[in-house]
Amino acid sequence: MKKIEKKTYSDEFKLSVVKDYYTNQLGIRTTAQKFGLPSKNYIENWEKYLKKKGLLPQDAVKPTKAAGRSPEKVIRDDNRTEREKQYEAEIETLKARVAYYEGLASLQPYIKKNKGSGK
């Protein structure tokens, strides 16, 4: 049976990998693959190790990526005519009414009917 040799990495290499992980847009798994590491756990463990040893600041973290553009950042020219804007507003109103009436219809089985009310 062939003995598997455990590879050792220098602190400089570990630090360069963690710093690269912090600065690139790649995820932790892709960064591990980039450096030929068998698992993302290496980077996670090295991060803790380097902080403990004082080679990396305790508050060092990878900046989080934005989840996408916020609606405020998306600015579009409004090329619609007044009639199109009016129709779109009317459609939104009608959609709201339909949703309201569908909600009422779903409550119908729970509404008691007054058979003999003489009002």
Protein backbone atom coordinates (compact mmCIF):
# COMPACT_ATOMS: atom_id res chain seq x y z
CA MET A 1 0.00 0.00 0.00
CA LYS A 2 1.36 3.40 -1.00
CA LYS A 3 1.80 5.90 1.82
CA ILE A 4 0.22 9.29 1.19
CA GLU A 5 2.64 12.08 1.93
CA LYS A 6 1.12 15.04 3.75
CA LYS A 7 2.09 18.29 2.10
CA THR A 8 3.18 21.18 4.31
CA TYR A 9 2.74 24.82 3.38
CA SER A 10 4.80 27.79 4.55
CA ASP A 11 3.23 30.63 6.50
CA GLU A 12 4.08 32.94 3.60
CA PHE A 13 2.15 30.75 1.19
CA LYS A 14 -0.81 30.51 3.57
CA LEU A 15 -0.82 34.28 3.99
CA SER A 16 -0.67 34.87 0.23
CA VAL A 17 -3.58 32.47 -0.34
CA VAL A 18 -5.75 34.10 2.33
CA LYS A 19 -4.91 37.60 1.10
CA ASP A 20 -5.71 36.55 -2.46
CA TYR A 21 -9.03 35.13 -1.24
CA TYR A 22 -9.81 38.46 0.45
CA THR A 23 -9.02 40.56 -2.60
CA ASN A 24 -10.39 38.51 -5.50
CA GLN A 25 -13.99 38.12 -6.58
CA LEU A 26 -13.77 34.32 -6.41
CA GLY A 27 -15.44 32.22 -3.76
CA ILE A 28 -13.52 30.15 -1.25
CA ARG A 29 -13.86 26.89 -3.19
CA THR A 30 -12.65 28.44 -6.43
CA THR A 31 -9.71 30.07 -4.65
CA ALA A 32 -8.78 26.68 -3.17
CA GLN A 33 -8.88 25.15 -6.66
CA LYS A 34 -6.82 28.05 -8.04
CA PHE A 35 -3.99 27.21 -5.61
CA GLY A 36 -4.36 23.44 -5.99
CA LEU A 37 -5.67 22.89 -2.48
CA PRO A 38 -7.72 19.74 -1.82
CA SER A 39 -10.45 21.59 0.09
CA LYS A 40 -11.81 25.01 1.03
CA ASN A 41 -11.22 24.01 4.65
CA TYR A 42 -7.52 24.73 4.18
CA ILE A 43 -8.24 28.43 3.61
CA GLU A 44 -10.70 28.59 6.53
CA ASN A 45 -8.22 26.90 8.88
CA TRP A 46 -5.30 29.00 7.66
CA GLU A 47 -7.31 32.14 8.23
CA LYS A 48 -7.87 31.18 11.89
CA TYR A 49 -4.24 30.07 12.26
CA LEU A 50 -2.81 33.29 10.81
CA LYS A 51 -5.03 35.44 13.03
CA LYS A 52 -3.99 33.43 16.09
CA LYS A 53 -0.32 33.76 15.15
CA GLY A 54 -0.69 37.52 14.60
CA LEU A 55 0.16 37.46 10.89
CA LEU A 56 -3.35 38.56 9.99
CA PRO A 57 -5.40 41.20 11.84
CA GLN A 58 -8.10 39.74 14.10
CA ASP A 59 -10.82 41.71 12.33
CA ALA A 60 -9.70 40.73 8.81
CA VAL A 61 -12.55 39.33 6.71
CA LYS A 62 -13.39 38.98 3.06
CA PRO A 63 -15.56 41.90 1.97
CA THR A 64 -19.08 40.74 1.23
CA LYS A 65 -20.33 41.00 -2.31
CA ALA A 66 -23.39 43.05 -3.06
CA ALA A 67 -26.42 40.91 -3.79
CA GLY A 68 -27.04 42.85 -6.96
CA ARG A 69 -27.91 46.35 -7.89
CA SER A 70 -30.40 48.06 -5.68
CA PRO A 71 -33.50 49.46 -7.38
CA GLU A 72 -32.34 52.99 -6.59
CA LYS A 73 -29.21 52.51 -8.69
CA VAL A 74 -31.13 51.43 -11.76
CA ILE A 75 -32.23 54.56 -13.55
CA ARG A 76 -34.14 54.24 -16.79
CA ASP A 77 -35.50 56.81 -19.18
CA ASP A 78 -39.27 56.87 -19.12
CA ASN A 79 -40.27 56.94 -22.76
CA ARG A 80 -43.90 56.04 -22.17
CA THR A 81 -46.67 58.31 -23.38
CA GLU A 82 -49.19 59.77 -20.95
CA ARG A 83 -51.80 57.32 -22.24
CA GLU A 84 -49.46 54.35 -21.63
CA LYS A 85 -48.79 55.58 -18.08
CA GLN A 86 -52.53 55.96 -17.51
CA TYR A 87 -53.22 52.44 -18.82
CA GLU A 88 -50.47 50.95 -16.66
CA ALA A 89 -51.87 52.66 -13.56
CA GLU A 90 -55.33 51.38 -14.44
CA ILE A 91 -53.99 47.85 -14.94
CA GLU A 92 -52.33 47.95 -11.51
CA THR A 93 -55.62 49.10 -9.95
CA LEU A 94 -57.53 46.32 -11.68
CA LYS A 95 -54.95 43.72 -10.60
CA ALA A 96 -55.39 44.87 -7.00
CA ARG A 97 -59.19 44.60 -7.29
CA VAL A 98 -58.98 41.10 -8.77
CA ALA A 99 -56.66 40.00 -5.97
CA TYR A 100 -59.08 41.46 -3.41
CA TYR A 101 -62.11 39.70 -4.92
CA GLU A 102 -60.23 36.42 -5.22
CA GLY A 103 -59.38 36.73 -1.54
CA LEU A 104 -63.04 37.27 -0.72
CA ALA A 105 -64.02 34.28 -2.83
CA SER A 106 -61.63 32.05 -0.91
CA LEU A 107 -63.36 33.13 2.34
CA GLN A 108 -66.84 32.28 1.02
CA PRO A 109 -67.03 28.81 2.67
CA TYR A 110 -66.46 30.43 6.06
CA ILE A 111 -69.18 33.06 5.80
CA LYS A 112 -72.48 32.19 7.49
CA LYS A 113 -75.54 32.97 5.45
CA ASN A 114 -78.57 34.47 7.17
CA LYS A 115 -81.53 32.55 5.73
CA GLY A 116 -84.33 34.13 7.64
CA SER A 117 -83.21 37.67 8.25
CA GLY A 118 -86.05 39.96 7.57
CA LYS A 119 -84.13 43.15 7.07
